[in-house]
C-alpha cells in the first residue's frame, strides 16, 4: 500500500537518490573513494545488471520516495559506462518508482571521457545537470595528480555539455595542488568563470592515508604548497568568486542565479536519501546502510541472493545511530551551509534546544564572532571566519 507522502515531514521520506558507478579509466593519486580502474566492459555490464537487480528487489521502498526526490549518478566516473548501461539504470529507476519527477538529475563526468553523442544521450535520458571534475586548468597540475584530461579537454567538455542541451553545469576545482601557485590558481579561476557556468565547487587538497599521493609526499617526491600559501589560496578563491558574482552557499560550494545543488542540499539538511550500488551509502533518518565496497563482492551478493530480506543480507553494512549521533550529524551538516542549521527543526526532530544544551560550549564562539544566531529564522550559522575553522566548531556538538 502506497504511503501518503504528502502528509509526511521532509525528514520522514527519501528526498534524494544516489547511484554509485565505481569505475574509472585511471585512479587519481589523491583519491580514496571506492572507485576502481582496469575493469572491462564485461564487468561493467555485469555490474549494471546487479544494480538493476538491487533496484528491482527494493521496489517496495519507492513508496516512501518524495515525488520530486533528486537523482545523482556519482563515482568513480559514471561517464565511463557504455551509454546503454546508463540507460538501463535510468529505466530501472523509473520502472520501479524511484525516478519520478526529480527536482534535479545530475551525472558526474570526467572531461576526458566526454563526447557530444554521449552527453546528448544523458540529456535525453532525463539528466538536467552535469558535474565535471575539472580540478585545474593547468596541464602540469593535472598531470601531477594523475588526471586523464588536459585543460583544453576540460574547456571543450563544458562547451559540449552546452551543445548537448545542459543548462545547469558545475565544475569541481582543487587548490593546494603540487606545483600550484597563486598565479596559476588565479588563471584557472578566471578561465573557468569566463565559460559562463553558474556552479563551482572548490576543495582544498587533502592527503588521505593509503593513497599514492600520501606515499609520494612522504618520500619527498611531490612537494605541496605550504600552509601559509594554501591559506592564501583559500582567500583568493573567496575573493575571486565573490567578485565574479558567485554566492557561497556552503563551505565549498558557490553558485550564481540560484543554481545551487538541490541534491547535495538534501545531505546538508540531513534529509533521508536512497542509495544503490557498491559502496553506496543511504540514510533513512535513523540508520545508515552502506553497500559492500568491492565490485566483485557486490555482483556476487546480488547473483547469490535468494528470497530473504535484502536489507538484512551481507550486501550491506547497517549502522544504527543514537539520538545524540543524529543531532551531532544534523548540526555538522547544517552548519556547512551559509544559512546555517535550523534550531527549530532540531527541536522538532530531536527534542533538543541546541542553544540551551550547548550554551557553555557556544558562548566563546559567539564572543569570537565565529558563529551567529538569527532569531527571526531560528538558524545558527558559521560566520566567514567560522567557516575557516569549521571542523573545530563542529567538535562542540560531539557528545562522547
Protein backbone atom coordinates (compact mmCIF):
# COMPACT_ATOMS: atom_id res chain seq x y z
CA UNK A 1 0.00 0.00 0.00
CA UNK A 2 1.39 3.40 -1.01
CA UNK A 3 2.14 5.79 1.83
CA UNK A 4 0.57 9.23 1.70
CA UNK A 5 3.87 11.07 1.33
CA UNK A 6 2.21 14.49 1.23
CA UNK A 7 1.40 14.14 4.94
CA UNK A 8 4.99 13.43 5.92
CA UNK A 9 7.64 15.90 7.03
CA UNK A 10 10.67 16.21 4.68
CA UNK A 11 12.78 14.23 7.14
CA UNK A 12 10.30 11.35 7.12
CA UNK A 13 10.68 10.38 3.47
CA UNK A 14 13.51 9.97 0.98
CA UNK A 15 14.35 13.30 -0.63
CA UNK A 16 17.20 12.12 -2.87
CA UNK A 17 18.66 9.09 -4.60
CA UNK A 18 22.34 8.35 -5.16
CA UNK A 19 23.61 5.66 -7.54
CA UNK A 20 27.30 4.77 -7.43
CA UNK A 21 29.35 3.89 -10.53
CA UNK A 22 32.71 2.69 -9.17
CA UNK A 23 34.67 2.60 -12.44
CA UNK A 24 37.47 4.89 -13.59
CA UNK A 25 39.83 4.96 -16.54
CA UNK A 26 42.67 5.71 -14.14
CA UNK A 27 42.69 6.22 -10.38
CA UNK A 28 43.75 9.73 -9.37
CA UNK A 29 46.69 9.89 -6.97
CA UNK A 30 44.71 11.67 -4.24
CA UNK A 31 41.53 9.58 -4.43
CA UNK A 32 40.41 7.35 -1.55
CA UNK A 33 36.85 6.83 -2.83
CA UNK A 34 35.50 3.39 -3.73
CA UNK A 35 36.50 3.57 -7.37
CA UNK A 36 38.50 1.16 -9.48
CA UNK A 37 40.42 1.26 -12.74
CA UNK A 38 41.04 -1.66 -15.08
CA UNK A 39 37.60 -3.25 -15.29
CA UNK A 40 36.46 -4.02 -18.84
CA UNK A 41 33.06 -3.73 -20.44
CA UNK A 42 32.03 -7.26 -19.43
CA UNK A 43 32.36 -6.41 -15.72
CA UNK A 44 30.71 -3.05 -16.25
CA UNK A 45 27.70 -4.76 -17.83
CA UNK A 46 27.57 -7.35 -15.03
CA UNK A 47 27.64 -4.52 -12.51
CA UNK A 48 24.84 -2.71 -14.33
CA UNK A 49 22.73 -5.86 -14.23
CA UNK A 50 23.44 -6.27 -10.50
CA UNK A 51 22.40 -2.69 -9.72
CA UNK A 52 19.21 -3.14 -11.75
CA UNK A 53 18.52 -6.28 -9.71
CA UNK A 54 19.07 -4.39 -6.44
CA UNK A 55 16.67 -1.68 -7.64
CA UNK A 56 14.01 -4.28 -8.50
CA UNK A 57 14.41 -6.15 -5.21
CA UNK A 58 13.95 -2.92 -3.27
CA UNK A 59 10.99 -1.65 -5.30
CA UNK A 60 8.72 -1.53 -2.23
CA UNK A 61 10.93 1.19 -0.74
CA UNK A 62 9.91 3.57 -3.54
CA UNK A 63 6.61 4.08 -1.69
CA UNK A 64 8.46 6.39 0.67
CA UNK A 65 10.19 8.47 -2.01
CA UNK A 66 9.25 12.12 -2.40
CA UNK A 67 7.91 12.56 -5.95
CA UNK A 68 10.46 15.31 -6.61
CA UNK A 69 13.42 13.50 -5.00
CA UNK A 70 16.68 14.44 -6.67
CA UNK A 71 18.77 11.87 -8.56
CA UNK A 72 22.58 11.76 -8.64
CA UNK A 73 24.85 9.34 -10.53
CA UNK A 74 28.30 9.62 -8.98
CA UNK A 75 31.54 7.72 -8.85
CA UNK A 76 34.09 6.86 -9.82
CA UNK A 77 33.31 8.05 -13.29
CA UNK A 78 29.73 7.37 -14.42
CA UNK A 79 30.63 8.53 -17.92
CA UNK A 80 32.96 5.51 -18.27
CA UNK A 81 29.92 3.23 -18.53
CA UNK A 82 28.57 2.44 -22.02
CA UNK A 83 25.58 4.68 -22.66
CA UNK A 84 23.25 1.68 -22.95
CA UNK A 85 24.24 0.71 -19.38
CA UNK A 86 23.41 4.20 -18.13
CA UNK A 87 20.08 3.93 -19.97
CA UNK A 88 19.34 0.56 -18.32
CA UNK A 89 19.96 2.02 -14.87
CA UNK A 90 17.73 5.03 -15.55
CA UNK A 91 15.00 2.77 -16.93
CA UNK A 92 15.13 0.52 -13.85
CA UNK A 93 14.81 3.51 -11.52
CA UNK A 94 11.84 4.84 -13.48
CA UNK A 95 10.18 1.43 -13.83
CA UNK A 96 10.27 0.79 -10.07
CA UNK A 97 9.18 4.26 -8.97
CA UNK A 98 12.46 5.68 -7.68
CA UNK A 99 12.85 8.23 -10.50
CA UNK A 100 9.58 10.16 -10.64
CA UNK A 101 9.70 13.93 -11.26
CA UNK A 102 13.13 14.78 -9.82
CA UNK A 103 13.76 18.41 -8.93
CA UNK A 104 17.24 17.75 -10.32
CA UNK A 105 19.02 14.83 -12.01
CA UNK A 106 22.82 15.09 -12.02
CA UNK A 107 25.51 12.93 -13.56
CA UNK A 108 29.24 13.25 -12.92
CA UNK A 109 31.52 13.28 -15.95
CA UNK A 110 35.29 13.22 -16.32
CA UNK A 111 36.21 15.67 -19.10
CA UNK A 112 38.49 13.02 -20.59
CA UNK A 113 35.51 10.74 -21.24
CA UNK A 114 33.11 13.33 -22.68
CA UNK A 115 31.90 13.40 -26.27
CA UNK A 116 28.85 15.08 -27.77
CA UNK A 117 26.94 11.87 -28.57
CA UNK A 118 27.33 10.52 -25.03
CA UNK A 119 26.30 13.82 -23.46
CA UNK A 120 23.27 14.05 -25.73
CA UNK A 121 22.13 10.58 -24.62
CA UNK A 122 22.50 11.62 -20.97
CA UNK A 123 20.39 14.70 -21.58
CA UNK A 124 17.74 12.66 -23.43
CA UNK A 125 17.57 10.17 -20.55
CA UNK A 126 16.48 12.99 -18.26
CA UNK A 127 19.67 14.29 -16.65
CA UNK A 128 19.36 18.06 -16.49
CA UNK A 129 22.54 18.85 -14.53
CA UNK A 130 26.10 17.77 -15.18
CA UNK A 131 29.12 17.94 -12.88
CA UNK A 132 32.63 17.90 -14.34
CA UNK A 133 35.75 17.01 -12.36
CA UNK A 134 37.90 19.77 -13.84
CA UNK A 135 40.19 20.18 -10.76
CA UNK A 136 42.59 22.55 -12.57
CA UNK A 137 43.11 24.24 -15.90
CA UNK A 138 46.91 23.86 -15.79
CA UNK A 139 48.27 20.81 -17.59
CA UNK A 140 51.24 20.33 -15.25
CA UNK A 141 48.95 20.34 -12.20
CA UNK A 142 46.56 17.86 -13.80
CA UNK A 143 49.44 15.53 -14.67
CA UNK A 144 50.84 15.78 -11.13
CA UNK A 145 47.65 14.30 -9.63
CA UNK A 146 47.03 11.66 -12.30
CA UNK A 147 44.05 13.19 -14.13
CA UNK A 148 43.38 11.71 -17.59
CA UNK A 149 42.37 15.01 -19.22
CA UNK A 150 44.17 18.23 -20.02
CA UNK A 151 42.97 21.81 -19.67
CA UNK A 152 41.81 22.11 -23.26
CA UNK A 153 39.74 18.93 -22.99
CA UNK A 154 38.09 20.29 -19.84
CA UNK A 155 37.11 23.55 -21.52
CA UNK A 156 35.86 21.66 -24.58
CA UNK A 157 33.78 19.34 -22.38
CA UNK A 158 31.99 22.33 -20.85
CA UNK A 159 31.11 23.57 -24.35
CA UNK A 160 29.98 20.10 -25.45
CA UNK A 161 27.64 19.93 -22.45
CA UNK A 162 26.04 23.20 -23.54
CA UNK A 163 25.73 21.88 -27.10
CA UNK A 164 24.06 18.72 -25.74
CA UNK A 165 21.39 20.85 -24.06
CA UNK A 166 22.65 21.09 -20.49
CA UNK A 167 21.85 24.46 -18.97
CA UNK A 168 22.98 23.53 -15.45
CA UNK A 169 26.71 22.80 -15.47
CA UNK A 170 29.02 22.50 -12.47
CA UNK A 171 32.78 22.14 -12.19
CA UNK A 172 34.98 20.95 -9.32
CA UNK A 173 38.33 22.61 -8.59
CA UNK A 174 41.09 21.76 -6.11
CA UNK A 175 43.57 24.20 -4.55
CA UNK A 176 46.80 23.27 -2.79
CA UNK A 177 47.89 21.04 -5.69
CA UNK A 178 51.53 20.04 -6.38
CA UNK A 179 53.33 22.86 -8.26
CA UNK A 180 50.27 25.13 -7.98
CA UNK A 181 50.94 28.83 -7.41
CA UNK A 182 48.74 31.81 -6.62
CA UNK A 183 49.12 32.91 -10.23
CA UNK A 184 48.16 29.53 -11.69
CA UNK A 185 45.13 29.28 -9.39
CA UNK A 186 44.06 32.79 -10.42
CA UNK A 187 44.39 31.81 -14.08
CA UNK A 188 42.33 28.65 -13.57
CA UNK A 189 39.58 30.57 -11.77
CA UNK A 190 39.47 33.25 -14.45
CA UNK A 191 39.30 30.80 -17.35
CA UNK A 192 36.64 28.72 -15.64
CA UNK A 193 34.48 31.72 -14.71
CA UNK A 194 34.78 33.01 -18.28
CA UNK A 195 32.95 29.89 -19.55
CA UNK A 196 29.73 31.22 -18.05
CA UNK A 197 28.96 28.21 -15.87
CA UNK A 198 26.97 29.03 -12.77
CA UNK A 199 28.15 26.49 -10.19
CA UNK A 200 31.67 25.83 -8.93
CA UNK A 201 32.81 23.57 -6.08
CA UNK A 202 36.28 24.27 -4.66
CA UNK A 203 38.09 21.96 -2.26
CA UNK A 204 41.45 22.13 -0.54
CA UNK A 205 43.61 19.12 -1.38
CA UNK A 206 43.53 16.53 1.39
CA UNK A 207 46.31 13.96 1.51
CA UNK A 208 44.46 10.81 2.55
CA UNK A 209 46.35 7.96 4.21
CA UNK A 210 46.96 4.99 1.96
CA UNK A 211 46.74 6.91 -1.32
CA UNK A 212 49.61 7.08 -3.82
CA UNK A 213 49.77 10.82 -3.19
CA UNK A 214 50.42 10.27 0.52
CA UNK A 215 53.28 7.92 -0.31
CA UNK A 216 54.82 10.34 -2.81
CA UNK A 217 54.57 13.23 -0.34
CA UNK A 218 56.13 11.13 2.44
CA UNK A 219 59.04 10.23 0.16
CA UNK A 220 59.55 13.85 -0.84
CA UNK A 221 58.79 13.11 -4.50
CA UNK A 222 55.89 15.57 -4.50
CA UNK A 223 56.06 18.94 -2.76
CA UNK A 224 52.79 20.63 -1.83
CA UNK A 225 52.25 24.33 -1.16
CA UNK A 226 52.94 25.17 2.49
CA UNK A 227 50.17 26.00 4.95
CA UNK A 228 50.50 29.77 4.54
CA UNK A 229 50.28 29.52 0.76
CA UNK A 230 47.28 27.17 0.98
CA UNK A 231 45.59 29.69 3.31
CA UNK A 232 46.29 32.47 0.80
CA UNK A 233 44.81 30.29 -1.94
CA UNK A 234 41.67 29.83 0.16
CA UNK A 235 41.33 33.61 0.48
CA UNK A 236 41.93 34.06 -3.25
CA UNK A 237 39.08 31.65 -4.03
CA UNK A 238 36.68 33.51 -1.71
CA UNK A 239 37.58 36.95 -3.04
CA UNK A 240 37.61 35.98 -6.71
CA UNK A 241 34.30 34.13 -6.76
CA UNK A 242 32.57 36.84 -4.73
CA UNK A 243 33.79 39.47 -7.19
CA UNK A 244 32.54 37.38 -10.10
CA UNK A 245 29.03 37.18 -8.65
CA UNK A 246 29.12 33.70 -7.12
CA UNK A 247 27.29 33.27 -3.82
CA UNK A 248 28.90 30.97 -1.29
CA UNK A 249 26.01 28.85 -0.11
CA UNK A 250 28.04 26.07 1.53
CA UNK A 251 31.62 25.79 2.81
CA UNK A 252 32.94 24.51 -0.55
CA UNK A 253 30.17 25.46 -3.00
CA UNK A 254 29.39 28.60 -4.96
CA UNK A 255 26.52 29.42 -7.31
CA UNK A 256 25.07 32.18 -9.46
CA UNK A 257 21.38 32.79 -10.09
CA UNK A 258 20.23 30.24 -7.52
CA UNK A 259 21.90 27.32 -9.34
CA UNK A 260 22.83 25.53 -6.14
CA UNK A 261 22.91 21.73 -5.94
CA UNK A 262 19.47 20.53 -4.84
CA UNK A 263 20.83 17.03 -4.33
CA UNK A 264 23.70 17.97 -2.05
CA UNK A 265 21.39 20.25 -0.12
CA UNK A 266 19.46 17.13 0.91
CA UNK A 267 22.64 15.88 2.61
CA UNK A 268 23.31 19.21 4.31
CA UNK A 269 19.71 19.42 5.53
CA UNK A 270 20.14 15.88 6.90
CA UNK A 271 17.17 14.51 4.99
CA UNK A 272 16.81 10.79 4.15
CA UNK A 273 18.32 9.61 0.87
CA UNK A 274 18.22 6.32 -1.03
CA UNK A 275 21.38 4.72 -2.42
CA UNK A 276 22.16 1.91 -4.86
CA UNK A 277 25.41 0.27 -5.91
CA UNK A 278 28.70 -0.90 -4.44
CA UNK A 279 29.84 1.31 -1.54
CA UNK A 280 26.74 3.48 -1.93
CA UNK A 281 25.59 4.92 1.38
CA UNK A 282 21.91 5.60 2.13
CA UNK A 283 20.25 7.17 5.17
CA UNK A 284 16.65 6.63 6.27
CA UNK A 285 16.60 9.21 9.05
CA UNK A 286 17.63 6.73 11.75
CA UNK A 287 20.30 4.48 10.28
CA UNK A 288 22.91 4.33 7.53
CA UNK A 289 23.07 1.44 5.09
CA UNK A 290 26.25 1.07 3.01
CA UNK A 291 26.76 -1.44 0.21
CA UNK A 292 29.82 -3.71 0.10
CA UNK A 293 32.65 -1.72 -1.41
CA UNK A 294 34.21 -4.05 -3.96
CA UNK A 295 32.67 -4.57 -7.38
CA UNK A 296 33.02 -8.35 -7.45
CA UNK A 297 31.58 -8.86 -3.95
CA UNK A 298 28.67 -6.62 -4.83
CA UNK A 299 27.93 -8.55 -8.03
CA UNK A 300 28.34 -11.91 -6.24
CA UNK A 301 25.97 -10.90 -3.44
CA UNK A 302 23.23 -9.94 -5.92
CA UNK A 303 23.74 -13.08 -8.00
CA UNK A 304 23.58 -15.30 -4.92
CA UNK A 305 20.60 -13.57 -3.31
CA UNK A 306 17.68 -15.92 -2.68
CA UNK A 307 14.45 -14.50 -1.30
CA UNK A 308 15.16 -13.34 2.24
CA UNK A 309 15.10 -9.68 3.31
CA UNK A 310 17.72 -7.97 1.18
CA UNK A 311 18.21 -5.26 3.81
CA UNK A 312 19.40 -7.91 6.28
CA UNK A 313 21.74 -9.59 3.79
CA UNK A 314 25.53 -9.45 3.61
CA UNK A 315 25.17 -6.89 0.83
CA UNK A 316 25.00 -4.07 3.39
CA UNK A 317 26.63 -2.77 6.49
CA UNK A 318 23.93 -1.17 8.66
CA UNK A 319 24.81 1.46 11.26
CA UNK A 320 22.18 2.33 13.86
CA UNK A 321 22.58 5.92 15.03
CA UNK A 322 21.82 7.08 18.56
CA UNK A 323 19.77 10.21 19.19
CA UNK A 324 22.97 12.01 20.21
CA UNK A 325 24.69 10.97 16.99
CA UNK A 326 21.72 12.07 14.92
CA UNK A 327 21.75 15.53 16.48
CA UNK A 328 25.53 15.76 16.13
CA UNK A 329 25.39 14.96 12.41
CA UNK A 330 22.40 17.26 11.88
CA UNK A 331 24.42 20.17 13.29
CA UNK A 332 27.60 19.23 11.39
CA UNK A 333 25.76 19.14 8.11
CA UNK A 334 23.55 22.17 8.68
CA UNK A 335 26.44 24.39 9.74
CA UNK A 336 28.20 23.68 6.45
CA UNK A 337 25.53 25.81 4.74
CA UNK A 338 25.85 29.58 4.70
CA UNK A 339 22.33 29.95 6.08
CA UNK A 340 23.16 27.53 8.88
CA UNK A 341 21.28 24.87 10.81
CA UNK A 342 17.61 25.22 11.77
CA UNK A 343 17.35 25.03 15.55
CA UNK A 344 13.56 24.91 15.25
CA UNK A 345 13.91 21.71 13.26
CA UNK A 346 16.43 20.36 15.77
CA UNK A 347 13.80 20.78 18.48
CA UNK A 348 11.12 19.12 16.39
CA UNK A 349 13.21 16.20 15.19
CA UNK A 350 15.40 15.51 18.21
CA UNK A 351 13.66 17.26 21.11
CA UNK A 352 16.74 19.35 21.93
CA UNK A 353 17.11 23.10 22.47
CA UNK A 354 20.59 23.49 20.97
CA UNK A 355 21.29 26.95 22.40
CA UNK A 356 20.42 25.72 25.87
CA UNK A 357 22.02 22.27 25.63
CA UNK A 358 25.36 23.64 24.32
CA UNK A 359 25.27 27.09 25.98
CA UNK A 360 28.69 26.78 27.65
CA UNK A 361 30.41 25.48 24.53
CA UNK A 362 28.82 28.08 22.22
CA UNK A 363 29.46 31.14 24.40
CA UNK A 364 33.14 31.63 23.44
CA UNK A 365 32.30 31.03 19.77
CA UNK A 366 29.74 33.85 19.89
CA UNK A 367 32.31 36.09 21.63
CA UNK A 368 34.93 35.35 18.95
CA UNK A 369 32.31 36.00 16.24
CA UNK A 370 32.82 32.54 14.75
CA UNK A 371 29.08 31.80 14.91
CA UNK A 372 25.92 33.89 14.73
CA UNK A 373 22.26 33.27 15.54
CA UNK A 374 19.30 34.74 13.65
CA UNK A 375 16.31 34.78 15.98
CA UNK A 376 13.87 35.53 13.14
CA UNK A 377 14.77 32.35 11.24
CA UNK A 378 15.97 30.41 14.30
CA UNK A 379 19.14 29.45 12.46
CA UNK A 380 22.63 29.07 13.86
CA UNK A 381 25.36 29.66 11.27
CA UNK A 382 29.10 29.97 10.87
CA UNK A 383 30.47 33.40 10.04
CA UNK A 384 33.07 33.77 7.28
CA UNK A 385 35.76 33.46 9.94
CA UNK A 386 33.94 30.47 11.38
CA UNK A 387 33.96 28.66 8.04
CA UNK A 388 37.76 28.78 8.07
CA UNK A 389 37.81 26.70 11.27
CA UNK A 390 34.56 24.78 10.75
CA UNK A 391 35.93 21.42 11.88
CA UNK A 392 36.93 22.84 15.27
CA UNK A 393 33.44 24.29 15.75
CA UNK A 394 31.76 21.02 14.75
CA UNK A 395 33.57 19.29 17.65
CA UNK A 396 31.36 21.27 20.05
CA UNK A 397 28.47 19.00 19.14
CA UNK A 398 30.29 15.70 19.67
CA UNK A 399 28.74 14.06 22.70
CA UNK A 400 31.08 11.36 23.99
